[in-house]
PDB file of N, CA and C in Angstrom:
ATOM      1  N   MET A   1     202.367   3.975 243.783  1.00  0.00           N
ATOM      2  CA  MET A   1     201.196   4.702 243.316  1.00  0.00           C
ATOM      3  C   MET A   1     200.138   4.752 244.379  1.00  0.00           C
ATOM      4  N   GLY A   2     200.434   5.028 245.588  1.00  0.00           N
ATOM      5  CA  GLY A   2     199.413   5.166 246.618  1.00  0.00           C
ATOM      6  C   GLY A   2     198.688   3.875 246.900  1.00  0.00           C
ATOM      7  N   GLY A   3     199.395   2.739 247.013  1.00  0.00           N
ATOM      8  CA  GLY A   3     198.776   1.454 247.234  1.00  0.00           C
ATOM      9  C   GLY A   3     197.854   1.399 248.418  1.00  0.00           C
ATOM     10  N   GLN A   4     198.088   2.287 249.428  1.00  0.00           N
ATOM     11  CA  GLN A   4     197.240   2.318 250.597  1.00  0.00           C
ATOM     12  C   GLN A   4     195.817   2.790 250.257  1.00  0.00           C
ATOM     13  N   ASP A   5     195.631   3.445 249.129  1.00  0.00           N
ATOM     14  CA  ASP A   5     194.328   3.925 248.703  1.00  0.00           C
ATOM     15  C   ASP A   5     193.539   2.880 247.920  1.00  0.00           C
ATOM     16  N   ARG A   6     194.173   1.783 247.576  1.00  0.00           N
ATOM     17  CA  ARG A   6     193.549   0.774 246.717  1.00  0.00           C
ATOM     18  C   ARG A   6     192.971  -0.334 247.581  1.00  0.00           C
ATOM     19  N   PRO A   7     191.724  -0.806 247.288  1.00  0.00           N
ATOM     20  CA  PRO A   7     191.162  -1.913 248.039  1.00  0.00           C
ATOM     21  C   PRO A   7     192.008  -3.161 247.871  1.00  0.00           C
ATOM     22  N   LYS A   8     191.989  -4.021 248.883  1.00  0.00           N
ATOM     23  CA  LYS A   8     192.720  -5.286 248.829  1.00  0.00           C
ATOM     24  C   LYS A   8     192.291  -6.096 247.606  1.00  0.00           C
ATOM     25  N   GLY A   9     193.246  -6.743 246.972  1.00  0.00           N
ATOM     26  CA  GLY A   9     192.932  -7.611 245.849  1.00  0.00           C
ATOM     27  C   GLY A   9     192.815  -6.916 244.512  1.00  0.00           C
ATOM     28  N   ILE A  10     192.853  -5.588 244.504  1.00  0.00           N
ATOM     29  CA  ILE A  10     192.713  -4.832 243.245  1.00  0.00           C
ATOM     30  C   ILE A  10     194.122  -4.640 242.680  1.00  0.00           C
ATOM     31  N   SER A  11     194.337  -5.149 241.460  1.00  0.00           N
ATOM     32  CA  SER A  11     195.638  -5.043 240.843  1.00  0.00           C
ATOM     33  C   SER A  11     195.476  -4.434 239.466  1.00  0.00           C
ATOM     34  N   PRO A  12     195.527  -3.076 239.348  1.00  0.00           N
ATOM     35  CA  PRO A  12     195.283  -2.473 238.084  1.00  0.00           C
ATOM     36  C   PRO A  12     196.387  -2.641 237.068  1.00  0.00           C
ATOM     37  N   THR A  13     196.062  -2.460 235.825  1.00  0.00           N
ATOM     38  CA  THR A  13     197.054  -2.472 234.745  1.00  0.00           C
ATOM     39  C   THR A  13     197.124  -1.062 234.157  1.00  0.00           C
ATOM     40  N   ALA A  14     198.292  -0.697 233.673  1.00  0.00           N
ATOM     41  CA  ALA A  14     198.465   0.620 233.065  1.00  0.00           C
ATOM     42  C   ALA A  14     197.671   0.681 231.742  1.00  0.00           C
ATOM     43  N   VAL A  15     197.110   1.843 231.462  1.00  0.00           N
ATOM     44  CA  VAL A  15     196.417   2.075 230.212  1.00  0.00           C
ATOM     45  C   VAL A  15     197.472   2.479 229.210  1.00  0.00           C
ATOM     46  N   GLU A  16     197.573   1.719 228.122  1.00  0.00           N
ATOM     47  CA  GLU A  16     198.621   1.951 227.130  1.00  0.00           C
ATOM     48  C   GLU A  16     198.538   3.363 226.565  1.00  0.00           C
ATOM     49  N   GLY A  17     199.684   4.041 226.595  1.00  0.00           N
ATOM     50  CA  GLY A  17     199.778   5.409 226.043  1.00  0.00           C
ATOM     51  C   GLY A  17     199.242   6.474 226.942  1.00  0.00           C
ATOM     52  N   ALA A  18     198.893   6.128 228.169  1.00  0.00           N
ATOM     53  CA  ALA A  18     198.304   7.101 229.102  1.00  0.00           C
ATOM     54  C   ALA A  18     199.002   7.008 230.448  1.00  0.00           C
ATOM     55  N   PRO A  19     200.150   7.657 230.639  1.00  0.00           N
ATOM     56  CA  PRO A  19     200.875   7.545 231.892  1.00  0.00           C
ATOM     57  C   PRO A  19     200.020   8.062 233.065  1.00  0.00           C
ATOM     58  N   GLY A  20     200.083   7.299 234.157  1.00  0.00           N
ATOM     59  CA  GLY A  20     199.335   7.699 235.346  1.00  0.00           C
ATOM     60  C   GLY A  20     197.886   7.232 235.366  1.00  0.00           C
ATOM     61  N   LEU A  21     197.473   6.485 234.345  1.00  0.00           N
ATOM     62  CA  LEU A  21     196.110   5.927 234.262  1.00  0.00           C
ATOM     63  C   LEU A  21     196.188   4.419 234.472  1.00  0.00           C
ATOM     64  N   TRP A  22     195.365   3.910 235.344  1.00  0.00           N
ATOM     65  CA  TRP A  22     195.382   2.492 235.661  1.00  0.00           C
ATOM     66  C   TRP A  22     193.947   1.981 235.605  1.00  0.00           C
ATOM     67  N   ARG A  23     193.759   0.784 235.038  1.00  0.00           N
ATOM     68  CA  ARG A  23     192.405   0.230 234.901  1.00  0.00           C
ATOM     69  C   ARG A  23     192.329  -1.174 235.372  1.00  0.00           C
ATOM     70  N   VAL A  24     191.234  -1.489 236.082  1.00  0.00           N
ATOM     71  CA  VAL A  24     190.926  -2.875 236.479  1.00  0.00           C
ATOM     72  C   VAL A  24     189.578  -3.195 235.830  1.00  0.00           C
ATOM     73  N   ASP A  25     189.551  -4.174 234.933  1.00  0.00           N
ATOM     74  CA  ASP A  25     188.307  -4.611 234.353  1.00  0.00           C
ATOM     75  C   ASP A  25     187.593  -5.507 235.356  1.00  0.00           C
ATOM     76  N   LEU A  26     186.385  -5.141 235.720  1.00  0.00           N
ATOM     77  CA  LEU A  26     185.612  -5.816 236.756  1.00  0.00           C
ATOM     78  C   LEU A  26     184.700  -6.898 236.165  1.00  0.00           C
ATOM     79  N   GLN A  27     184.100  -6.595 234.994  1.00  0.00           N
ATOM     80  CA  GLN A  27     183.213  -7.556 234.346  1.00  0.00           C
ATOM     81  C   GLN A  27     183.038  -7.219 232.872  1.00  0.00           C
ATOM     82  N   LYS A  28     182.721  -8.254 232.075  1.00  0.00           N
ATOM     83  CA  LYS A  28     182.479  -8.108 230.651  1.00  0.00           C
ATOM     84  C   LYS A  28     181.473  -9.154 230.269  1.00  0.00           C
ATOM     85  N   HIS A  29     180.352  -8.698 229.685  1.00  0.00           N
ATOM     86  CA  HIS A  29     179.254  -9.630 229.326  1.00  0.00           C
ATOM     87  C   HIS A  29     178.560  -9.187 228.065  1.00  0.00           C
ATOM     88  N   ASP A  30     178.085 -10.176 227.295  1.00  0.00           N
ATOM     89  CA  ASP A  30     177.217  -9.866 226.160  1.00  0.00           C
ATOM     90  C   ASP A  30     175.887  -9.318 226.708  1.00  0.00           C
ATOM     91  N   LEU A  31     175.257  -8.470 225.923  1.00  0.00           N
ATOM     92  CA  LEU A  31     173.964  -7.916 226.303  1.00  0.00           C
ATOM     93  C   LEU A  31     172.861  -8.558 225.462  1.00  0.00           C
ATOM     94  N   SER A  32     171.620  -8.287 225.840  1.00  0.00           N
ATOM     95  CA  SER A  32     170.485  -8.763 225.041  1.00  0.00           C
ATOM     96  C   SER A  32     170.333  -7.969 223.744  1.00  0.00           C
ATOM     97  N   ILE A  33     171.037  -6.860 223.644  1.00  0.00           N
ATOM     98  CA  ILE A  33     171.020  -6.049 222.423  1.00  0.00           C
ATOM     99  C   ILE A  33     172.036  -6.685 221.463  1.00  0.00           C
ATOM    100  N   PRO A  34     171.606  -7.174 220.306  1.00  0.00           N
ATOM    101  CA  PRO A  34     172.539  -7.835 219.411  1.00  0.00           C
ATOM    102  C   PRO A  34     173.756  -6.963 219.080  1.00  0.00           C
ATOM    103  N   GLY A  35     174.955  -7.570 219.143  1.00  0.00           N
ATOM    104  CA  GLY A  35     176.179  -6.860 218.792  1.00  0.00           C
ATOM    105  C   GLY A  35     176.733  -5.952 219.855  1.00  0.00           C
ATOM    106  N   ARG A  36     176.153  -5.945 221.054  1.00  0.00           N
ATOM    107  CA  ARG A  36     176.571  -5.058 222.116  1.00  0.00           C
ATOM    108  C   ARG A  36     177.059  -5.861 223.312  1.00  0.00           C
ATOM    109  N   GLU A  37     178.000  -5.278 224.043  1.00  0.00           N
ATOM    110  CA  GLU A  37     178.494  -5.873 225.288  1.00  0.00           C
ATOM    111  C   GLU A  37     178.672  -4.776 226.334  1.00  0.00           C
ATOM    112  N   VAL A  38     178.677  -5.177 227.591  1.00  0.00           N
ATOM    113  CA  VAL A  38     178.952  -4.236 228.662  1.00  0.00           C
ATOM    114  C   VAL A  38     180.331  -4.580 229.266  1.00  0.00           C
ATOM    115  N   ILE A  39     181.104  -3.566 229.521  1.00  0.00           N
ATOM    116  CA  ILE A  39     182.379  -3.723 230.164  1.00  0.00           C
ATOM    117  C   ILE A  39     182.408  -2.709 231.315  1.00  0.00           C
ATOM    118  N   GLN A  40     182.713  -3.210 232.499  1.00  0.00           N
ATOM    119  CA  GLN A  40     182.753  -2.323 233.663  1.00  0.00           C
ATOM    120  C   GLN A  40     184.174  -2.330 234.209  1.00  0.00           C
ATOM    121  N   SER A  41     184.697  -1.126 234.452  1.00  0.00           N
ATOM    122  CA  SER A  41     186.103  -0.991 234.899  1.00  0.00           C
ATOM    123  C   SER A  41     186.196   0.036 236.004  1.00  0.00           C
ATOM    124  N   ARG A  42     187.186  -0.178 236.839  1.00  0.00           N
ATOM    125  CA  ARG A  42     187.587   0.814 237.855  1.00  0.00           C
ATOM    126  C   ARG A  42     188.837   1.465 237.280  1.00  0.00           C
ATOM    127  N   VAL A  43     188.779   2.824 237.140  1.00  0.00           N
ATOM    128  CA  VAL A  43     189.894   3.531 236.513  1.00  0.00           C
ATOM    129  C   VAL A  43     190.485   4.506 237.537  1.00  0.00           C
ATOM    130  N   GLU A  44     191.794   4.431 237.736  1.00  0.00           N
ATOM    131  CA  GLU A  44     192.515   5.279 238.679  1.00  0.00           C
ATOM    132  C   GLU A  44     193.351   6.303 237.955  1.00  0.00           C
ATOM    133  N   PHE A  45     193.330   7.527 238.440  1.00  0.00           N
ATOM    134  CA  PHE A  45     194.092   8.649 237.862  1.00  0.00           C
ATOM    135  C   PHE A  45     195.033   9.166 238.922  1.00  0.00           C
ATOM    136  N   THR A  46     196.345   9.173 238.643  1.00  0.00           N
ATOM    137  CA  THR A  46     197.266   9.792 239.560  1.00  0.00           C
ATOM    138  C   THR A  46     197.169  11.336 239.403  1.00  0.00           C
ATOM    139  N   PRO A  47     197.642  12.105 240.390  1.00  0.00           N
ATOM    140  CA  PRO A  47     197.521  13.550 240.284  1.00  0.00           C
ATOM    141  C   PRO A  47     198.300  14.127 239.113  1.00  0.00           C
ATOM    142  N   ASP A  48     199.365  13.432 238.652  1.00  0.00           N
ATOM    143  CA  ASP A  48     200.168  13.944 237.572  1.00  0.00           C
ATOM    144  C   ASP A  48     199.799  13.345 236.197  1.00  0.00           C
ATOM    145  N   SER A  49     198.726  12.587 236.151  1.00  0.00           N
ATOM    146  CA  SER A  49     198.296  11.952 234.889  1.00  0.00           C
ATOM    147  C   SER A  49     197.828  13.038 233.917  1.00  0.00           C
ATOM    148  N   PRO A  50     198.420  13.118 232.726  1.00  0.00           N
ATOM    149  CA  PRO A  50     197.964  14.144 231.765  1.00  0.00           C
ATOM    150  C   PRO A  50     196.651  13.728 231.105  1.00  0.00           C
ATOM    151  N   PRO A  51     195.856  14.706 230.662  1.00  0.00           N
ATOM    152  CA  PRO A  51     194.630  14.366 229.940  1.00  0.00           C
ATOM    153  C   PRO A  51     194.926  13.494 228.734  1.00  0.00           C
ATOM    154  N   PHE A  52     194.058  12.582 228.420  1.00  0.00           N
ATOM    155  CA  PHE A  52     194.228  11.595 227.378  1.00  0.00           C
ATOM    156  C   PHE A  52     192.977  11.616 226.513  1.00  0.00           C
ATOM    157  N   LYS A  53     193.009  12.270 225.360  1.00  0.00           N
ATOM    158  CA  LYS A  53     191.847  12.439 224.489  1.00  0.00           C
ATOM    159  C   LYS A  53     191.566  11.136 223.757  1.00  0.00           C
ATOM    160  N   HIS A  54     190.287  10.688 223.827  1.00  0.00           N
ATOM    161  CA  HIS A  54     189.928   9.374 223.244  1.00  0.00           C
ATOM    162  C   HIS A  54     188.413   9.312 223.018  1.00  0.00           C
ATOM    163  N   PHE A  55     187.976   8.183 222.464  1.00  0.00           N
ATOM    164  CA  PHE A  55     186.525   7.905 222.318  1.00  0.00           C
ATOM    165  C   PHE A  55     186.298   6.426 222.371  1.00  0.00           C
ATOM    166  N   HIS A  56     184.998   6.042 222.529  1.00  0.00           N
ATOM    167  CA  HIS A  56     184.615   4.650 222.664  1.00  0.00           C
ATOM    168  C   HIS A  56     183.532   4.327 221.614  1.00  0.00           C
ATOM    169  N   PRO A  57     183.415   3.013 221.235  1.00  0.00           N
ATOM    170  CA  PRO A  57     182.403   2.609 220.253  1.00  0.00           C
ATOM    171  C   PRO A  57     181.053   2.343 220.947  1.00  0.00           C
ATOM    172  N   GLY A  58     180.657   3.261 221.776  1.00  0.00           N
ATOM    173  CA  GLY A  58     179.398   3.153 222.517  1.00  0.00           C
ATOM    174  C   GLY A  58     179.382   4.173 223.645  1.00  0.00           C
ATOM    175  N   GLU A  59     178.415   4.036 224.528  1.00  0.00           N
ATOM    176  CA  GLU A  59     178.285   4.965 225.622  1.00  0.00           C
ATOM    177  C   GLU A  59     179.204   4.583 226.800  1.00  0.00           C
ATOM    178  N   GLU A  60     179.620   5.627 227.535  1.00  0.00           N
ATOM    179  CA  GLU A  60     180.396   5.418 228.768  1.00  0.00           C
ATOM    180  C   GLU A  60     179.591   6.086 229.898  1.00  0.00           C
ATOM    181  N   ILE A  61     179.269   5.314 230.902  1.00  0.00           N
ATOM    182  CA  ILE A  61     178.533   5.858 232.069  1.00  0.00           C
ATOM    183  C   ILE A  61     179.532   5.846 233.242  1.00  0.00           C
ATOM    184  N   ILE A  62     179.744   7.011 233.805  1.00  0.00           N
ATOM    185  CA  ILE A  62     180.803   7.205 234.814  1.00  0.00           C
ATOM    186  C   ILE A  62     180.191   7.593 236.147  1.00  0.00           C
ATOM    187  N   CYS A  63     180.797   7.054 237.215  1.00  0.00           N
ATOM    188  CA  CYS A  63     180.508   7.495 238.588  1.00  0.00           C
ATOM    189  C   CYS A  63     181.836   7.685 239.289  1.00  0.00           C
ATOM    190  N   VAL A  64     182.045   8.863 239.866  1.00  0.00           N
ATOM    191  CA  VAL A  64     183.299   9.123 240.577  1.00  0.00           C
ATOM    192  C   VAL A  64     183.238   8.485 241.969  1.00  0.00           C
ATOM    193  N   LEU A  65     184.210   7.614 242.261  1.00  0.00           N
ATOM    194  CA  LEU A  65     184.262   6.923 243.556  1.00  0.00           C
ATOM    195  C   LEU A  65     185.181   7.594 244.561  1.00  0.00           C
ATOM    196  N   GLN A  66     186.181   8.333 244.058  1.00  0.00           N
ATOM    197  CA  GLN A  66     187.186   8.922 244.951  1.00  0.00           C
ATOM    198  C   GLN A  66     187.820  10.115 244.248  1.00  0.00           C
ATOM    199  N   GLY A  67     188.041  11.181 244.993  1.00  0.00           N
ATOM    200  CA  GLY A  67     188.751  12.330 244.462  1.00  0.00           C
ATOM    201  C   GLY A  67     187.858  13.248 243.620  1.00  0.00           C
ATOM    202  N   THR A  68     188.517  14.043 242.797  1.00  0.00           N
ATOM    203  CA  THR A  68     187.843  15.001 241.938  1.00  0.00           C
ATOM    204  C   THR A  68     188.413  14.932 240.531  1.00  0.00           C
ATOM    205  N   LEU A  69     187.521  14.750 239.548  1.00  0.00           N
ATOM    206  CA  LEU A  69     187.938  14.619 238.151  1.00  0.00           C
ATOM    207  C   LEU A  69     187.261  15.692 237.307  1.00  0.00           C
ATOM    208  N   GLU A  70     187.994  16.236 236.349  1.00  0.00           N
ATOM    209  CA  GLU A  70     187.459  17.190 235.394  1.00  0.00           C
ATOM    210  C   GLU A  70     187.354  16.487 234.039  1.00  0.00           C
ATOM    211  N   TYR A  71     186.114  16.504 233.487  1.00  0.00           N
ATOM    212  CA  TYR A  71     185.860  15.865 232.211  1.00  0.00           C
ATOM    213  C   TYR A  71     185.640  16.947 231.165  1.00  0.00           C
ATOM    214  N   THR A  72     186.237  16.758 229.987  1.00  0.00           N
ATOM    215  CA  THR A  72     186.001  17.660 228.879  1.00  0.00           C
ATOM    216  C   THR A  72     185.496  16.813 227.735  1.00  0.00           C
ATOM    217  N   LEU A  73     184.225  17.082 227.333  1.00  0.00           N
ATOM    218  CA  LEU A  73     183.620  16.401 226.200  1.00  0.00           C
ATOM    219  C   LEU A  73     183.632  17.394 225.027  1.00  0.00           C
ATOM    220  N   GLU A  74     183.966  16.866 223.842  1.00  0.00           N
ATOM    221  CA  GLU A  74     184.094  17.712 222.665  1.00  0.00           C
ATOM    222  C   GLU A  74     182.865  18.611 222.502  1.00  0.00           C
ATOM    223  N   GLY A  75     183.130  19.911 222.321  1.00  0.00           N
ATOM    224  CA  GLY A  75     182.086  20.883 222.070  1.00  0.00           C
ATOM    225  C   GLY A  75     181.340  21.356 223.305  1.00  0.00           C
ATOM    226  N   GLN A  76     181.812  20.947 224.531  1.00  0.00           N
ATOM    227  CA  GLN A  76     181.151  21.338 225.755  1.00  0.00           C
ATOM    228  C   GLN A  76     182.233  21.886 226.722  1.00  0.00           C
ATOM    229  N   PRO A  77     181.800  22.788 227.626  1.00  0.00           N
ATOM    230  CA  PRO A  77     182.748  23.279 228.628  1.00  0.00           C
ATOM    231  C   PRO A  77     183.110  22.140 229.619  1.00  0.00           C
ATOM    232  N   PRO A  78     184.291  22.211 230.271  1.00  0.00           N
ATOM    233  CA  PRO A  78     184.657  21.204 231.226  1.00  0.00           C
ATOM    234  C   PRO A  78     183.673  21.096 232.394  1.00  0.00           C
ATOM    235  N   VAL A  79     183.531  19.867 232.916  1.00  0.00           N
ATOM    236  CA  VAL A  79     182.640  19.583 234.038  1.00  0.00           C
ATOM    237  C   VAL A  79     183.499  18.952 235.168  1.00  0.00           C
ATOM    238  N   VAL A  80     183.391  19.503 236.345  1.00  0.00           N
ATOM    239  CA  VAL A  80     184.107  18.944 237.480  1.00  0.00           C
ATOM    240  C   VAL A  80     183.168  18.010 238.256  1.00  0.00           C
ATOM    241  N   CYS A  81     183.596  16.781 238.499  1.00  0.00           N
ATOM    242  CA  CYS A  81     182.814  15.801 239.220  1.00  0.00           C
ATOM    243  C   CYS A  81     183.540  15.357 240.474  1.00  0.00           C
ATOM    244  N   ASN A  82     182.786  15.309 241.569  1.00  0.00           N
ATOM    245  CA  ASN A  82     183.293  14.840 242.857  1.00  0.00           C
ATOM    246  C   ASN A  82     182.706  13.486 243.213  1.00  0.00           C
ATOM    247  N   VAL A  83     183.078  12.944 244.339  1.00  0.00           N
ATOM    248  CA  VAL A  83     182.587  11.639 244.774  1.00  0.00           C
ATOM    249  C   VAL A  83     181.075  11.585 244.707  1.00  0.00           C
ATOM    250  N   GLY A  84     180.562  10.573 244.029  1.00  0.00           N
ATOM    251  CA  GLY A  84     179.122  10.346 243.907  1.00  0.00           C
ATOM    252  C   GLY A  84     178.490  11.011 242.669  1.00  0.00           C
ATOM    253  N   ASP A  85     179.235  11.864 242.010  1.00  0.00           N
ATOM    254  CA  ASP A  85     178.738  12.486 240.768  1.00  0.00           C
ATOM    255  C   ASP A  85     178.794  11.484 239.612  1.00  0.00           C
ATOM    256  N   ALA A  86     177.833  11.622 238.674  1.00  0.00           N
ATOM    257  CA  ALA A  86     177.763  10.724 237.544  1.00  0.00           C
ATOM    258  C   ALA A  86     177.749  11.557 236.254  1.00  0.00           C
ATOM    259  N   LEU A  87     178.218  10.926 235.169  1.00  0.00           N
ATOM    260  CA  LEU A  87     178.302  11.583 233.885  1.00  0.00           C
ATOM    261  C   LEU A  87     178.182  10.504 232.792  1.00  0.00           C
ATOM    262  N   THR A  88     177.483  10.849 231.711  1.00  0.00           N
ATOM    263  CA  THR A  88     177.403   9.922 230.568  1.00  0.00           C
ATOM    264  C   THR A  88     178.079  10.575 229.361  1.00  0.00           C
ATOM    265  N   VAL A  89     178.962   9.818 228.726  1.00  0.00           N
ATOM    266  CA  VAL A  89     179.613  10.251 227.520  1.00  0.00           C
ATOM    267  C   VAL A  89     178.934   9.536 226.353  1.00  0.00           C
ATOM    268  N   PRO A  90     178.324  10.296 225.412  1.00  0.00           N
ATOM    269  CA  PRO A  90     177.633   9.644 224.301  1.00  0.00           C
ATOM    270  C   PRO A  90     178.601   8.896 223.356  1.00  0.00           C
ATOM    271  N   TYR A  91     178.011   8.015 222.601  1.00  0.00           N
ATOM    272  CA  TYR A  91     178.721   7.202 221.611  1.00  0.00           C
ATOM    273  C   TYR A  91     179.644   8.039 220.748  1.00  0.00           C
ATOM    274  N   GLY A  92     180.927   7.693 220.653  1.00  0.00           N
ATOM    275  CA  GLY A  92     181.881   8.306 219.730  1.00  0.00           C
ATOM    276  C   GLY A  92     182.344   9.739 220.075  1.00  0.00           C
ATOM    277  N   VAL A  93     181.859  10.316 221.148  1.00  0.00           N
ATOM    278  CA  VAL A  93     182.248  11.688 221.492  1.00  0.00           C
ATOM    279  C   VAL A  93     183.676  11.687 222.010  1.00  0.00           C
ATOM    280  N   HIS A  94     184.518  12.522 221.443  1.00  0.00           N
ATOM    281  CA  HIS A  94     185.891  12.688 221.911  1.00  0.00           C
ATOM    282  C   HIS A  94     185.860  13.355 223.291  1.00  0.00           C
ATOM    283  N   HIS A  95     186.593  12.784 224.228  1.00  0.00           N
ATOM    284  CA  HIS A  95     186.598  13.321 225.567  1.00  0.00           C
ATOM    285  C   HIS A  95     187.915  13.000 226.274  1.00  0.00           C
ATOM    286  N   GLN A  96     188.103  13.654 227.398  1.00  0.00           N
ATOM    287  CA  GLN A  96     189.284  13.423 228.243  1.00  0.00           C
ATOM    288  C   GLN A  96     188.918  13.723 229.670  1.00  0.00           C
ATOM    289  N   ALA A  97     189.695  13.139 230.591  1.00  0.00           N
ATOM    290  CA  ALA A  97     189.509  13.373 232.015  1.00  0.00           C
ATOM    291  C   ALA A  97     190.868  13.666 232.628  1.00  0.00           C
ATOM    292  N   ARG A  98     190.829  14.484 233.684  1.00  0.00           N
ATOM    293  CA  ARG A  98     192.056  14.700 234.404  1.00  0.00           C
ATOM    294  C   ARG A  98     191.729  14.862 235.878  1.00  0.00           C
ATOM    295  N   ASN A  99     192.687  14.429 236.664  1.00  0.00           N
ATOM    296  CA  ASN A  99     192.573  14.492 238.123  1.00  0.00           C
ATOM    297  C   ASN A  99     192.892  15.941 238.551  1.00  0.00           C
ATOM    298  N   VAL A 100     191.941  16.616 239.173  1.00  0.00           N
ATOM    299  CA  VAL A 100     192.185  17.994 239.616  1.00  0.00           C
ATOM    300  C   VAL A 100     192.288  18.062 241.156  1.00  0.00           C
ATOM    301  N   GLY A 101     192.442  16.901 241.785  1.00  0.00           N
ATOM    302  CA  GLY A 101     192.615  16.833 243.238  1.00  0.00           C
ATOM    303  C   GLY A 101     194.058  16.596 243.609  1.00  0.00           C
ATOM    304  N   ASN A 102     194.285  16.269 244.886  1.00  0.00           N
ATOM    305  CA  ASN A 102     195.646  16.069 245.392  1.00  0.00           C
ATOM    306  C   ASN A 102     196.075  14.615 245.420  1.00  0.00           C
ATOM    307  N   GLY A 103     195.129  13.696 245.589  1.00  0.00           N
ATOM    308  CA  GLY A 103     195.461  12.278 245.683  1.00  0.00           C
ATOM    309  C   GLY A 103     194.971  11.524 244.442  1.00  0.00           C
ATOM    310  N   ILE A 104     194.935  10.229 244.550  1.00  0.00           N
ATOM    311  CA  ILE A 104     194.436   9.391 243.473  1.00  0.00           C
ATOM    312  C   ILE A 104     192.938   9.642 243.329  1.00  0.00           C
ATOM    313  N   ALA A 105     192.466   9.764 242.092  1.00  0.00           N
ATOM    314  CA  ALA A 105     191.027   9.853 241.820  1.00  0.00           C
ATOM    315  C   ALA A 105     190.625   8.543 241.135  1.00  0.00           C
ATOM    316  N   VAL A 106     189.379   8.130 241.411  1.00  0.00           N
ATOM    317  CA  VAL A 106     188.922   6.843 240.917  1.00  0.00           C
ATOM    318  C   VAL A 106     187.500   6.985 240.355  1.00  0.00           C
ATOM    319  N   GLU A 107     187.275   6.406 239.189  1.00  0.00           N
ATOM    320  CA  GLU A 107     185.922   6.359 238.618  1.00  0.00           C
ATOM    321  C   GLU A 107     185.545   4.913 238.343  1.00  0.00           C
ATOM    322  N   LEU A 108     184.238   4.681 238.412  1.00  0.00           N
ATOM    323  CA  LEU A 108     183.651   3.420 237.939  1.00  0.00           C
ATOM    324  C   LEU A 108     183.122   3.715 236.555  1.00  0.00           C
ATOM    325  N   ALA A 109     183.680   3.074 235.520  1.00  0.00           N
ATOM    326  CA  ALA A 109     183.286   3.333 234.159  1.00  0.00           C
ATOM    327  C   ALA A 109     182.560   2.101 233.620  1.00  0.00           C
ATOM    328  N   THR A 110     181.328   2.337 233.170  1.00  0.00           N
ATOM    329  CA  THR A 110     180.537   1.260 232.551  1.00  0.00           C
ATOM    330  C   THR A 110     180.336   1.598 231.085  1.00  0.00           C
ATOM    331  N   TYR A 111     180.831   0.716 230.224  1.00  0.00           N
ATOM    332  CA  TYR A 111     180.799   0.937 228.783  1.00  0.00           C
ATOM    333  C   TYR A 111     179.741  -0.004 228.182  1.00  0.00           C
ATOM    334  N   VAL A 112     178.834   0.537 227.381  1.00  0.00           N
ATOM    335  CA  VAL A 112     177.899  -0.236 226.578  1.00  0.00           C
ATOM    336  C   VAL A 112     178.359  -0.021 225.153  1.00  0.00           C
ATOM    337  N   VAL A 113     179.072  -1.002 224.610  1.00  0.00           N
ATOM    338  CA  VAL A 113     179.816  -0.791 223.387  1.00  0.00           C
ATOM    339  C   VAL A 113     179.575  -1.898 222.358  1.00  0.00           C
ATOM    340  N   GLU A 114     179.981  -1.592 221.119  1.00  0.00           N
ATOM    341  CA  GLU A 114     179.877  -2.551 220.046  1.00  0.00           C
ATOM    342  C   GLU A 114     180.890  -3.677 220.285  1.00  0.00           C
ATOM    343  N   LYS A 115     180.425  -4.898 220.265  1.00  0.00           N
ATOM    344  CA  LYS A 115     181.246  -6.046 220.509  1.00  0.00           C
ATOM    345  C   LYS A 115     182.282  -6.224 219.411  1.00  0.00           C
ATOM    346  N   GLY A 116     183.535  -6.540 219.775  1.00  0.00           N
ATOM    347  CA  GLY A 116     184.587  -6.792 218.821  1.00  0.00           C
ATOM    348  C   GLY A 116     185.362  -5.584 218.379  1.00  0.00           C
ATOM    349  N   LYS A 117     184.972  -4.403 218.814  1.00  0.00           N
ATOM    350  CA  LYS A 117     185.708  -3.169 218.472  1.00  0.00           C
ATOM    351  C   LYS A 117     186.609  -2.829 219.656  1.00  0.00           C
ATOM    352  N   PRO A 118     187.723  -2.085 219.389  1.00  0.00           N
ATOM    353  CA  PRO A 118     188.583  -1.663 220.487  1.00  0.00           C
ATOM    354  C   PRO A 118     187.772  -0.804 221.480  1.00  0.00           C
ATOM    355  N   LEU A 119     187.956  -1.039 222.758  1.00  0.00           N
ATOM    356  CA  LEU A 119     187.239  -0.270 223.771  1.00  0.00           C
ATOM    357  C   LEU A 119     187.564   1.212 223.705  1.00  0.00           C
ATOM    358  N   LEU A 120     188.835   1.505 223.416  1.00  0.00           N
ATOM    359  CA  LEU A 120     189.316   2.868 223.491  1.00  0.00           C
ATOM    360  C   LEU A 120     190.156   3.180 222.260  1.00  0.00           C
ATOM    361  N   THR A 121     189.856   4.337 221.654  1.00  0.00           N
ATOM    362  CA  THR A 121     190.678   4.790 220.520  1.00  0.00           C
ATOM    363  C   THR A 121     191.236   6.168 220.887  1.00  0.00           C
ATOM    364  N   LYS A 122     192.560   6.282 220.878  1.00  0.00           N
ATOM    365  CA  LYS A 122     193.210   7.572 221.224  1.00  0.00           C
ATOM    366  C   LYS A 122     193.046   8.536 220.071  1.00  0.00           C
ATOM    367  N   VAL A 123     192.833   9.804 220.403  1.00  0.00           N
ATOM    368  CA  VAL A 123     192.726  10.873 219.439  1.00  0.00           C
ATOM    369  C   VAL A 123     193.976  11.758 219.571  1.00  0.00           C
ATOM    370  N   ASP A 124     194.638  12.024 218.462  1.00  0.00           N
ATOM    371  CA  ASP A 124     195.844  12.876 218.524  1.00  0.00           C
ATOM    372  C   ASP A 124     195.486  14.339 218.494  1.00  0.00           C
TER     373      ASP A 124
END
């Protein structure tokens, strides 16, 4: 999976039910907001990774670190983000992302979510 593109020491795990998506959880902490936690992850998308429609129990704040990703948020036209672009996905909004470049695309995803709920729920 393009190991030469991955920083040393980063060992991602496959995202269940999402072929070509790999995630490394970087940190997870309780917040000063009761019942909320922050989870920060590095997410890698292979060029052949299909879109994966899902939602989170809180906000997702995204920054593209590598490549080009197209995000589709429910009820909005697709948005293409390149390196350095940022995007916020509101609480519970169904969305998906796909790699529209040639190599691996990478995002830094910061989730501010309800503690104890699944981070990701797939939408059929």
